C-alpha atoms as a PDB file:
ATOM      1  CA  UNK A   1     222.694 154.221 134.770  1.00  0.00           C
ATOM      2  CA  UNK A   2     223.101 150.713 136.258  1.00  0.00           C
ATOM      3  CA  UNK A   3     221.272 151.746 139.387  1.00  0.00           C
ATOM      4  CA  UNK A   4     218.361 153.125 137.352  1.00  0.00           C
ATOM      5  CA  UNK A   5     218.129 149.903 135.315  1.00  0.00           C
ATOM      6  CA  UNK A   6     218.214 147.826 138.474  1.00  0.00           C
ATOM      7  CA  UNK A   7     215.503 149.985 140.065  1.00  0.00           C
ATOM      8  CA  UNK A   8     213.247 149.545 137.029  1.00  0.00           C
ATOM      9  CA  UNK A   9     213.866 145.803 137.017  1.00  0.00           C
ATOM     10  CA  UNK A  10     212.890 145.487 140.649  1.00  0.00           C
ATOM     11  CA  UNK A  11     209.802 147.646 140.085  1.00  0.00           C
ATOM     12  CA  UNK A  12     208.637 145.531 137.120  1.00  0.00           C
ATOM     13  CA  UNK A  13     209.219 142.245 138.925  1.00  0.00           C
ATOM     14  CA  UNK A  14     207.396 143.534 141.981  1.00  0.00           C
ATOM     15  CA  UNK A  15     204.324 144.758 140.058  1.00  0.00           C
ATOM     16  CA  UNK A  16     204.046 141.891 137.579  1.00  0.00           C
ATOM     17  CA  UNK A  17     201.914 139.658 139.887  1.00  0.00           C
ATOM     18  CA  UNK A  18     199.438 142.533 140.383  1.00  0.00           C
ATOM     19  CA  UNK A  19     199.058 142.952 136.626  1.00  0.00           C
ATOM     20  CA  UNK A  20     198.459 139.224 136.233  1.00  0.00           C
ATOM     21  CA  UNK A  21     195.851 139.314 139.041  1.00  0.00           C
ATOM     22  CA  UNK A  22     193.977 142.078 137.280  1.00  0.00           C
ATOM     23  CA  UNK A  23     194.026 140.083 134.041  1.00  0.00           C
ATOM     24  CA  UNK A  24     192.589 137.058 135.886  1.00  0.00           C
ATOM     25  CA  UNK A  25     189.761 139.153 137.343  1.00  0.00           C
ATOM     26  CA  UNK A  26     188.869 140.566 133.919  1.00  0.00           C
ATOM     27  CA  UNK A  27     189.170 137.092 132.386  1.00  0.00           C
ATOM     28  CA  UNK A  28     186.874 135.401 134.930  1.00  0.00           C
ATOM     29  CA  UNK A  29     184.253 138.130 134.561  1.00  0.00           C
ATOM     30  CA  UNK A  30     184.315 137.615 130.798  1.00  0.00           C
ATOM     31  CA  UNK A  31     184.105 133.856 131.215  1.00  0.00           C
ATOM     32  CA  UNK A  32     181.266 134.149 133.758  1.00  0.00           C
ATOM     33  CA  UNK A  33     179.307 136.493 131.474  1.00  0.00           C
ATOM     34  CA  UNK A  34     178.966 133.680 128.959  1.00  0.00           C
ATOM     35  CA  UNK A  35     176.897 131.759 131.593  1.00  0.00           C
ATOM     36  CA  UNK A  36     174.478 134.681 132.041  1.00  0.00           C
ATOM     37  CA  UNK A  37     172.171 133.742 129.214  1.00  0.00           C
ATOM     38  CA  UNK A  38     170.937 130.674 131.094  1.00  0.00           C
ATOM     39  CA  UNK A  39     172.176 131.064 134.667  1.00  0.00           C
ATOM     40  CA  UNK A  40     171.505 134.815 135.034  1.00  0.00           C
ATOM     41  CA  UNK A  41     173.756 137.763 135.656  1.00  0.00           C
ATOM     42  CA  UNK A  42     176.526 136.801 138.087  1.00  0.00           C
ATOM     43  CA  UNK A  43     174.877 133.391 138.450  1.00  0.00           C
ATOM     44  CA  UNK A  44     171.508 134.656 139.760  1.00  0.00           C
ATOM     45  CA  UNK A  45     169.021 132.676 137.630  1.00  0.00           C
ATOM     46  CA  UNK A  46     165.553 134.065 137.116  1.00  0.00           C
ATOM     47  CA  UNK A  47     164.251 131.095 135.102  1.00  0.00           C
ATOM     48  CA  UNK A  48     164.239 127.342 135.533  1.00  0.00           C
ATOM     49  CA  UNK A  49     167.981 126.977 135.121  1.00  0.00           C
ATOM     50  CA  UNK A  50     169.830 126.496 138.443  1.00  0.00           C
ATOM     51  CA  UNK A  51     171.525 129.540 140.019  1.00  0.00           C
ATOM     52  CA  UNK A  52     175.288 129.353 140.357  1.00  0.00           C
ATOM     53  CA  UNK A  53     175.645 132.250 142.772  1.00  0.00           C
ATOM     54  CA  UNK A  54     176.770 131.168 146.218  1.00  0.00           C
ATOM     55  CA  UNK A  55     177.346 127.524 145.337  1.00  0.00           C
ATOM     56  CA  UNK A  56     180.500 125.933 146.760  1.00  0.00           C
ATOM     57  CA  UNK A  57     183.304 126.097 144.225  1.00  0.00           C
ATOM     58  CA  UNK A  58     184.029 122.376 144.748  1.00  0.00           C
ATOM     59  CA  UNK A  59     180.426 121.589 143.828  1.00  0.00           C
ATOM     60  CA  UNK A  60     180.631 123.649 140.621  1.00  0.00           C
ATOM     61  CA  UNK A  61     183.914 122.021 139.652  1.00  0.00           C
ATOM     62  CA  UNK A  62     182.488 118.577 140.266  1.00  0.00           C
ATOM     63  CA  UNK A  63     179.376 119.288 138.183  1.00  0.00           C
ATOM     64  CA  UNK A  64     181.519 120.536 135.318  1.00  0.00           C
ATOM     65  CA  UNK A  65     183.680 117.420 135.537  1.00  0.00           C
ATOM     66  CA  UNK A  66     180.581 115.285 135.369  1.00  0.00           C
ATOM     67  CA  UNK A  67     179.340 117.106 132.287  1.00  0.00           C
ATOM     68  CA  UNK A  68     182.762 116.699 130.577  1.00  0.00           C
ATOM     69  CA  UNK A  69     183.007 112.996 131.477  1.00  0.00           C
ATOM     70  CA  UNK A  70     179.438 112.302 130.362  1.00  0.00           C
ATOM     71  CA  UNK A  71     178.375 111.221 133.892  1.00  0.00           C
ATOM     72  CA  UNK A  72     175.755 113.969 133.949  1.00  0.00           C
ATOM     73  CA  UNK A  73     173.904 114.086 130.662  1.00  0.00           C
ATOM     74  CA  UNK A  74     173.240 117.433 128.994  1.00  0.00           C
ATOM     75  CA  UNK A  75     173.873 118.359 125.415  1.00  0.00           C
ATOM     76  CA  UNK A  76     174.187 122.113 126.130  1.00  0.00           C
ATOM     77  CA  UNK A  77     176.440 121.827 129.216  1.00  0.00           C
ATOM     78  CA  UNK A  78     178.626 119.143 127.632  1.00  0.00           C
ATOM     79  CA  UNK A  79     179.561 121.566 124.907  1.00  0.00           C
ATOM     80  CA  UNK A  80     180.112 124.476 127.238  1.00  0.00           C
ATOM     81  CA  UNK A  81     182.059 122.563 129.912  1.00  0.00           C
ATOM     82  CA  UNK A  82     184.268 120.842 127.342  1.00  0.00           C
ATOM     83  CA  UNK A  83     185.370 124.165 125.957  1.00  0.00           C
ATOM     84  CA  UNK A  84     186.982 125.365 129.210  1.00  0.00           C
ATOM     85  CA  UNK A  85     190.345 124.503 130.724  1.00  0.00           C
ATOM     86  CA  UNK A  86     190.431 123.245 134.288  1.00  0.00           C
ATOM     87  CA  UNK A  87     192.014 126.574 135.262  1.00  0.00           C
ATOM     88  CA  UNK A  88     189.090 128.462 133.717  1.00  0.00           C
ATOM     89  CA  UNK A  89     186.559 126.197 135.449  1.00  0.00           C
ATOM     90  CA  UNK A  90     188.325 126.798 138.801  1.00  0.00           C
ATOM     91  CA  UNK A  91     188.320 130.554 138.228  1.00  0.00           C
ATOM     92  CA  UNK A  92     184.598 130.581 137.372  1.00  0.00           C
ATOM     93  CA  UNK A  93     183.764 128.269 140.305  1.00  0.00           C
ATOM     94  CA  UNK A  94     185.576 130.611 142.677  1.00  0.00           C
ATOM     95  CA  UNK A  95     183.824 133.643 141.126  1.00  0.00           C
ATOM     96  CA  UNK A  96     180.322 132.207 141.347  1.00  0.00           C
ATOM     97  CA  UNK A  97     180.911 130.926 144.894  1.00  0.00           C
ATOM     98  CA  UNK A  98     181.581 134.537 146.014  1.00  0.00           C
ATOM     99  CA  UNK A  99     178.401 135.899 144.475  1.00  0.00           C
ATOM    100  CA  UNK A 100     175.670 136.589 147.005  1.00  0.00           C
END
């Protein structure tokens, strides 16, 4: 019985990071989908709004910081950027940087 409990414990601890990684992927896709109305699906804009796809993640993070700090004026992006945590901004920046 103890061996079985130990085996299950090891299995759960081993697989836990993979479950968290899957949650992060689903989370970033959901976060990124909120940008689609203006910046296009997966960051590929078809209108006058800048495309996010393929931009360097550091650039996206810096732009979001500037919106939050009021260094880059924009009523719409100030509200959007201010609603995200830095972790969410980093996840989205990484996601959009990988879109081709």
